[in-house]
């Protein structure tokens, strides 16, 4: 009798497991059957937000479900990242992040418990943008060498704005100061757009901004570009020299963006999202919109994005150490 009962229990457990697996596969196959959220850790109008809204629109059309972008600002995107990591691993809460959130902030904030290499599952690398050193037209500097000379003549008197502590523009400016042997004053804003607004108003004289976020201002002549931070000139702005060719050989930095889901998201769901992202990136309209903003198209498998995030964590950890950038509480 005992053996029979044990056999029945084992059989019931096996059947339950089988049914649950069938249900899970059916659920994955039906995905998505309701709207999806895409979190952004910075305010509207910044580079991450722009990339998210372009991708959300195109992926919504491909998947047949709306993808709603939600801005949850603060702590270099870490607030949104923590919310993302705690979300259900079902593919209905995604995040558009950058190396600011995935590679820099975890190395910079003392109290961070998030581990992007373990807490997220990559969907797809979506694109990249060099930064551009821009100044208010009233500022005296007309070249990178001018900025360095002015900063050396008056140490600690020139302010530069960023979208927040630990953002790529902040880290790029810190690297710029370290490499050039100068000292400026960091003014952190809650997002890139407010910093750009104050730059336009003359409240701050300069900043390193994502090229995608200020391309319209450059075309309108309301901001003056001095140099881009990529290894090469941007195809979208070929007349702007690089920092490396202007004054600091070897200098290079750029912002990249990628879509992630919470760790544990079913692989079938990740593949469906990846296919939608790649199709969106291959769309001619997407390519044009990215190019008009100075952004390059990305494209990767989920596994390639996971590996890239790990490599970027190592890279920016070294930059923080070499430039002696102090941790943030």
Protein backbone atom coordinates (compact mmCIF):
# COMPACT_ATOMS: atom_id res chain seq x y z
CA UNK A 1 0.00 0.00 0.00
CA UNK A 2 2.80 2.36 0.95
CA UNK A 3 4.55 1.70 -2.34
CA UNK A 4 1.32 2.31 -4.21
CA UNK A 5 0.70 5.60 -2.40
CA UNK A 6 4.30 6.69 -3.06
CA UNK A 7 3.87 5.83 -6.71
CA UNK A 8 0.66 7.84 -6.90
CA UNK A 9 2.29 10.84 -5.20
CA UNK A 10 5.26 10.68 -7.56
CA UNK A 11 2.96 10.34 -10.56
CA UNK A 12 0.86 13.30 -9.41
CA UNK A 13 3.97 15.42 -8.89
CA UNK A 14 5.27 14.49 -12.34
CA UNK A 15 1.95 15.31 -13.96
CA UNK A 16 1.76 18.63 -12.09
CA UNK A 17 5.26 19.53 -13.22
CA UNK A 18 4.42 18.56 -16.77
CA UNK A 19 1.23 20.60 -16.79
CA UNK A 20 3.05 23.61 -15.31
CA UNK A 21 5.72 23.36 -18.00
CA UNK A 22 3.05 23.11 -20.70
CA UNK A 23 1.29 26.15 -19.22
CA UNK A 24 4.57 28.07 -19.08
CA UNK A 25 5.36 27.24 -22.72
CA UNK A 26 1.85 28.27 -23.73
CA UNK A 27 2.23 31.53 -21.83
CA UNK A 28 5.58 32.22 -23.51
CA UNK A 29 4.07 31.47 -26.92
CA UNK A 30 1.19 33.88 -26.27
CA UNK A 31 3.57 36.66 -25.17
CA UNK A 32 2.85 39.55 -25.29
CA UNK A 33 -0.89 39.66 -24.61
CA UNK A 34 -0.98 42.93 -22.66
CA UNK A 35 0.89 46.27 -22.65
CA UNK A 36 4.59 46.40 -21.78
CA UNK A 37 6.38 49.03 -19.70
CA UNK A 38 9.85 50.32 -20.55
CA UNK A 39 11.53 52.11 -17.65
CA UNK A 40 13.96 54.99 -18.18
CA UNK A 41 16.10 56.21 -15.29
CA UNK A 42 16.40 59.78 -16.55
CA UNK A 43 14.07 62.62 -17.44
CA UNK A 44 12.28 63.17 -20.73
CA UNK A 45 14.37 64.67 -23.52
CA UNK A 46 17.73 63.10 -22.61
CA UNK A 47 19.59 60.59 -24.75
CA UNK A 48 18.30 57.50 -22.92
CA UNK A 49 14.71 58.75 -23.10
CA UNK A 50 15.00 59.52 -26.82
CA UNK A 51 16.39 56.05 -27.58
CA UNK A 52 13.66 54.44 -25.49
CA UNK A 53 10.81 56.28 -27.21
CA UNK A 54 12.08 55.52 -30.71
CA UNK A 55 12.47 51.82 -29.91
CA UNK A 56 9.21 51.59 -27.96
CA UNK A 57 7.22 52.97 -30.88
CA UNK A 58 8.72 50.59 -33.43
CA UNK A 59 8.68 47.52 -31.20
CA UNK A 60 5.02 48.20 -30.31
CA UNK A 61 4.13 48.03 -34.00
CA UNK A 62 6.07 44.78 -34.43
CA UNK A 63 4.79 43.02 -31.29
CA UNK A 64 1.21 44.22 -31.62
CA UNK A 65 1.14 45.53 -28.04
CA UNK A 66 1.81 49.03 -26.75
CA UNK A 67 5.12 49.70 -25.00
CA UNK A 68 4.72 52.60 -22.56
CA UNK A 69 7.86 54.52 -21.55
CA UNK A 70 7.98 55.48 -17.85
CA UNK A 71 10.59 57.93 -16.52
CA UNK A 72 11.75 57.15 -12.98
CA UNK A 73 14.59 59.53 -12.27
CA UNK A 74 17.28 59.58 -9.62
CA UNK A 75 20.67 58.17 -8.59
CA UNK A 76 22.08 57.92 -12.13
CA UNK A 77 19.25 55.65 -13.17
CA UNK A 78 19.67 53.31 -10.21
CA UNK A 79 16.15 53.93 -8.86
CA UNK A 80 14.65 52.71 -12.12
CA UNK A 81 17.18 49.86 -12.27
CA UNK A 82 16.24 48.65 -8.79
CA UNK A 83 12.55 48.76 -9.73
CA UNK A 84 13.36 46.81 -12.88
CA UNK A 85 15.32 44.14 -11.01
CA UNK A 86 12.41 43.63 -8.58
CA UNK A 87 9.81 43.35 -11.36
CA UNK A 88 8.32 40.03 -12.31
CA UNK A 89 10.51 38.17 -14.85
CA UNK A 90 7.71 37.89 -17.36
CA UNK A 91 8.77 40.32 -20.11
CA UNK A 92 6.21 42.97 -19.24
CA UNK A 93 8.63 45.36 -17.53
CA UNK A 94 11.72 46.25 -19.55
CA UNK A 95 14.33 48.95 -19.10
CA UNK A 96 16.29 51.10 -21.51
CA UNK A 97 19.60 51.70 -19.75
CA UNK A 98 23.11 52.81 -20.57
CA UNK A 99 26.58 52.26 -19.21
CA UNK A 100 25.81 55.08 -16.77
CA UNK A 101 23.39 52.80 -14.95
CA UNK A 102 24.74 49.36 -15.81
CA UNK A 103 28.51 49.95 -15.64
CA UNK A 104 29.35 53.25 -13.89
CA UNK A 105 26.88 53.80 -11.05
CA UNK A 106 27.38 50.35 -9.46
CA UNK A 107 31.10 51.19 -9.20
CA UNK A 108 30.49 54.72 -7.96
CA UNK A 109 27.71 54.56 -5.36
CA UNK A 110 28.75 53.17 -1.97
CA UNK A 111 25.31 51.88 -0.99
CA UNK A 112 24.40 50.14 -4.22
CA UNK A 113 23.39 46.50 -3.77
CA UNK A 114 22.45 45.97 -7.41
CA UNK A 115 24.66 43.77 -9.59
CA UNK A 116 23.75 44.44 -13.25
CA UNK A 117 25.76 41.41 -14.39
CA UNK A 118 23.47 39.14 -12.34
CA UNK A 119 20.21 41.04 -11.84
CA UNK A 120 19.35 41.65 -15.51
CA UNK A 121 18.90 39.60 -18.64
CA UNK A 122 19.99 41.31 -21.84
CA UNK A 123 17.51 41.85 -24.66
CA UNK A 124 19.48 43.87 -27.22
CA UNK A 125 22.09 46.59 -27.56
CA UNK A 126 20.23 49.37 -29.34
CA UNK A 127 22.75 52.07 -30.21
CA UNK A 128 25.44 54.50 -29.19
CA UNK A 129 26.17 58.20 -29.31
CA UNK A 130 29.37 60.12 -28.82
CA UNK A 131 29.25 63.00 -26.43
CA UNK A 132 29.95 66.50 -27.62
CA UNK A 133 31.62 69.29 -25.68
CA UNK A 134 29.25 72.22 -26.17
CA UNK A 135 29.36 75.78 -24.86
CA UNK A 136 26.98 78.67 -24.62
CA UNK A 137 27.75 81.04 -27.54
CA UNK A 138 28.64 83.77 -25.03
CA UNK A 139 31.45 81.67 -23.52
CA UNK A 140 34.94 82.75 -24.55
CA UNK A 141 36.20 79.29 -25.57
CA UNK A 142 36.14 78.39 -29.26
CA UNK A 143 38.20 75.20 -29.02
CA UNK A 144 39.14 72.44 -26.59
CA UNK A 145 42.51 74.08 -26.09
CA UNK A 146 40.72 77.31 -25.15
CA UNK A 147 38.72 75.49 -22.45
CA UNK A 148 41.88 73.93 -21.04
CA UNK A 149 43.71 77.27 -21.05
CA UNK A 150 40.81 79.08 -19.34
CA UNK A 151 40.52 76.34 -16.70
CA UNK A 152 44.24 76.42 -15.98
CA UNK A 153 44.20 80.20 -15.70
CA UNK A 154 41.32 80.13 -13.20
CA UNK A 155 41.20 76.71 -11.47
CA UNK A 156 37.86 75.67 -10.01
CA UNK A 157 35.93 78.59 -11.48
CA UNK A 158 34.37 77.07 -14.60
CA UNK A 159 31.12 75.17 -14.03
CA UNK A 160 30.00 72.23 -16.16
CA UNK A 161 26.58 70.63 -16.09
CA UNK A 162 25.49 67.00 -16.38
CA UNK A 163 22.33 64.96 -16.08
CA UNK A 164 23.45 63.64 -12.70
CA UNK A 165 26.23 62.09 -10.64
CA UNK A 166 27.77 59.07 -12.29
CA UNK A 167 26.25 59.71 -15.71
CA UNK A 168 28.44 59.19 -18.75
CA UNK A 169 28.69 62.97 -19.36
CA UNK A 170 29.85 63.35 -15.73
CA UNK A 171 32.41 60.57 -16.05
CA UNK A 172 33.59 61.94 -19.38
CA UNK A 173 34.09 65.39 -17.87
CA UNK A 174 36.00 63.87 -14.95
CA UNK A 175 38.19 61.94 -17.37
CA UNK A 176 38.67 65.13 -19.40
CA UNK A 177 39.78 67.05 -16.29
CA UNK A 178 42.15 64.26 -15.25
CA UNK A 179 43.67 63.91 -18.72
CA UNK A 180 44.01 67.68 -19.27
CA UNK A 181 45.27 68.38 -15.74
CA UNK A 182 42.53 70.91 -14.95
CA UNK A 183 39.84 71.40 -12.32
CA UNK A 184 36.26 72.51 -13.01
CA UNK A 185 33.10 72.45 -10.85
CA UNK A 186 30.42 69.84 -11.43
CA UNK A 187 26.78 70.98 -11.36
CA UNK A 188 24.52 67.91 -11.31
CA UNK A 189 20.94 68.14 -12.61
CA UNK A 190 18.06 65.66 -12.45
CA UNK A 191 18.38 64.72 -16.08
CA UNK A 192 20.23 65.91 -19.16
CA UNK A 193 17.41 68.10 -20.50
CA UNK A 194 17.39 70.52 -17.49
CA UNK A 195 21.18 70.87 -17.79
CA UNK A 196 20.86 71.68 -21.49
CA UNK A 197 18.16 74.25 -20.70
CA UNK A 198 20.47 76.02 -18.23
CA UNK A 199 23.31 75.88 -20.74
CA UNK A 200 21.07 77.54 -23.32
CA UNK A 201 20.11 80.19 -20.74
CA UNK A 202 23.74 80.89 -19.89
CA UNK A 203 23.46 79.62 -16.30
CA UNK A 204 26.37 77.27 -16.98
CA UNK A 205 29.02 77.83 -19.67
CA UNK A 206 29.64 74.29 -20.92
CA UNK A 207 28.87 70.60 -20.67
CA UNK A 208 29.55 67.26 -22.27
CA UNK A 209 26.17 66.26 -23.73
CA UNK A 210 24.96 63.29 -25.70
CA UNK A 211 25.15 64.36 -29.34
CA UNK A 212 21.66 62.96 -29.85
CA UNK A 213 20.26 65.29 -27.18
CA UNK A 214 21.70 68.54 -28.59
CA UNK A 215 21.74 67.91 -32.35
CA UNK A 216 18.77 70.24 -32.82
CA UNK A 217 20.54 73.01 -30.89
CA UNK A 218 23.68 72.60 -32.97
CA UNK A 219 21.71 72.84 -36.20
CA UNK A 220 19.91 75.94 -34.89
CA UNK A 221 23.16 77.55 -33.75
CA UNK A 222 21.95 78.01 -30.17
CA UNK A 223 24.92 76.03 -28.83
CA UNK A 224 28.50 75.97 -30.10
CA UNK A 225 30.16 72.55 -30.46
CA UNK A 226 33.87 72.26 -29.74
CA UNK A 227 34.56 68.54 -30.10
CA UNK A 228 33.03 65.06 -30.04
CA UNK A 229 34.38 62.42 -27.70
CA UNK A 230 34.41 59.39 -30.00
CA UNK A 231 37.52 57.84 -31.47
CA UNK A 232 36.43 59.21 -34.85
CA UNK A 233 34.31 62.11 -36.07
CA UNK A 234 30.60 61.45 -36.08
CA UNK A 235 29.06 60.76 -39.52
CA UNK A 236 26.14 62.93 -38.39
CA UNK A 237 28.41 65.88 -37.58
CA UNK A 238 31.60 65.43 -39.65
CA UNK A 239 32.67 69.06 -39.26
CA UNK A 240 33.10 68.72 -35.49
CA UNK A 241 36.62 67.53 -34.58
CA UNK A 242 37.30 64.94 -31.88
CA UNK A 243 38.77 65.80 -28.49
CA UNK A 244 41.67 63.51 -29.39
CA UNK A 245 42.61 65.39 -32.54
CA UNK A 246 41.94 68.78 -30.95
CA UNK A 247 44.04 68.54 -27.82
CA UNK A 248 44.18 65.19 -26.00
CA UNK A 249 45.41 62.25 -28.13
CA UNK A 250 43.80 58.95 -27.22
CA UNK A 251 40.81 60.50 -25.47
CA UNK A 252 37.60 58.52 -26.13
CA UNK A 253 34.15 58.11 -24.53
CA UNK A 254 30.61 57.52 -25.73
CA UNK A 255 27.18 56.57 -24.44
CA UNK A 256 25.59 53.27 -25.37
CA UNK A 257 22.05 52.08 -24.73
CA UNK A 258 20.58 48.63 -24.27
CA UNK A 259 17.27 47.03 -23.38
CA UNK A 260 17.21 44.59 -20.46
CA UNK A 261 14.63 42.50 -18.61
CA UNK A 262 14.77 41.17 -15.04
CA UNK A 263 16.97 38.12 -14.49
CA UNK A 264 14.99 34.91 -14.82
CA UNK A 265 12.89 36.10 -17.76
CA UNK A 266 12.15 33.05 -19.96
CA UNK A 267 14.62 32.69 -22.80
CA UNK A 268 11.79 32.35 -25.32
CA UNK A 269 10.47 35.76 -24.25
CA UNK A 270 13.95 37.32 -24.49
CA UNK A 271 14.33 35.93 -28.02
CA UNK A 272 10.94 37.30 -29.07
CA UNK A 273 11.86 40.74 -27.69
CA UNK A 274 15.29 40.54 -29.31
CA UNK A 275 13.76 39.73 -32.70
CA UNK A 276 11.43 42.73 -32.36
CA UNK A 277 14.32 45.02 -31.36
CA UNK A 278 16.50 43.90 -34.27
CA UNK A 279 13.62 44.35 -36.70
CA UNK A 280 13.00 47.84 -35.28
CA UNK A 281 16.68 48.74 -35.65
CA UNK A 282 16.69 47.51 -39.26
CA UNK A 283 13.74 49.76 -40.12
CA UNK A 284 14.72 52.62 -42.47
CA UNK A 285 12.77 55.17 -40.42
CA UNK A 286 14.59 54.11 -37.23
CA UNK A 287 17.94 54.33 -38.98
CA UNK A 288 17.15 57.84 -40.21
CA UNK A 289 15.89 59.05 -36.83
CA UNK A 290 18.97 57.67 -35.08
CA UNK A 291 21.30 59.18 -37.69
CA UNK A 292 19.58 62.57 -37.50
CA UNK A 293 20.27 62.55 -33.77
CA UNK A 294 23.91 61.51 -34.13
CA UNK A 295 23.20 58.00 -32.87
CA UNK A 296 24.49 54.80 -34.40
CA UNK A 297 22.37 51.64 -34.64
CA UNK A 298 23.25 48.79 -32.37
CA UNK A 299 22.06 45.22 -32.59
CA UNK A 300 23.12 42.17 -30.59
CA UNK A 301 21.89 38.89 -29.20
CA UNK A 302 20.81 38.77 -25.53
CA UNK A 303 23.99 36.88 -24.69
CA UNK A 304 26.18 39.44 -26.46
CA UNK A 305 24.62 42.27 -24.46
CA UNK A 306 25.19 40.35 -21.22
CA UNK A 307 28.87 39.93 -22.09
CA UNK A 308 29.19 43.57 -23.16
CA UNK A 309 27.76 44.83 -19.86
CA UNK A 310 30.32 42.75 -17.97
CA UNK A 311 33.18 44.18 -20.07
CA UNK A 312 31.92 47.73 -19.56
CA UNK A 313 31.75 47.25 -15.78
CA UNK A 314 35.44 46.33 -15.84
CA UNK A 315 36.35 49.25 -18.13
CA UNK A 316 34.62 51.99 -16.15
CA UNK A 317 35.81 50.59 -12.84
CA UNK A 318 39.36 51.19 -14.06
CA UNK A 319 38.51 54.75 -15.20
CA UNK A 320 37.06 55.57 -11.78
CA UNK A 321 40.17 54.20 -10.08
CA UNK A 322 42.71 55.83 -12.40
CA UNK A 323 41.01 59.24 -12.26
CA UNK A 324 40.65 58.92 -8.47
CA UNK A 325 36.91 59.68 -8.65
CA UNK A 326 35.52 59.54 -5.15
CA UNK A 327 32.56 57.24 -4.34
CA UNK A 328 29.15 58.79 -3.83
CA UNK A 329 27.07 58.16 -0.69
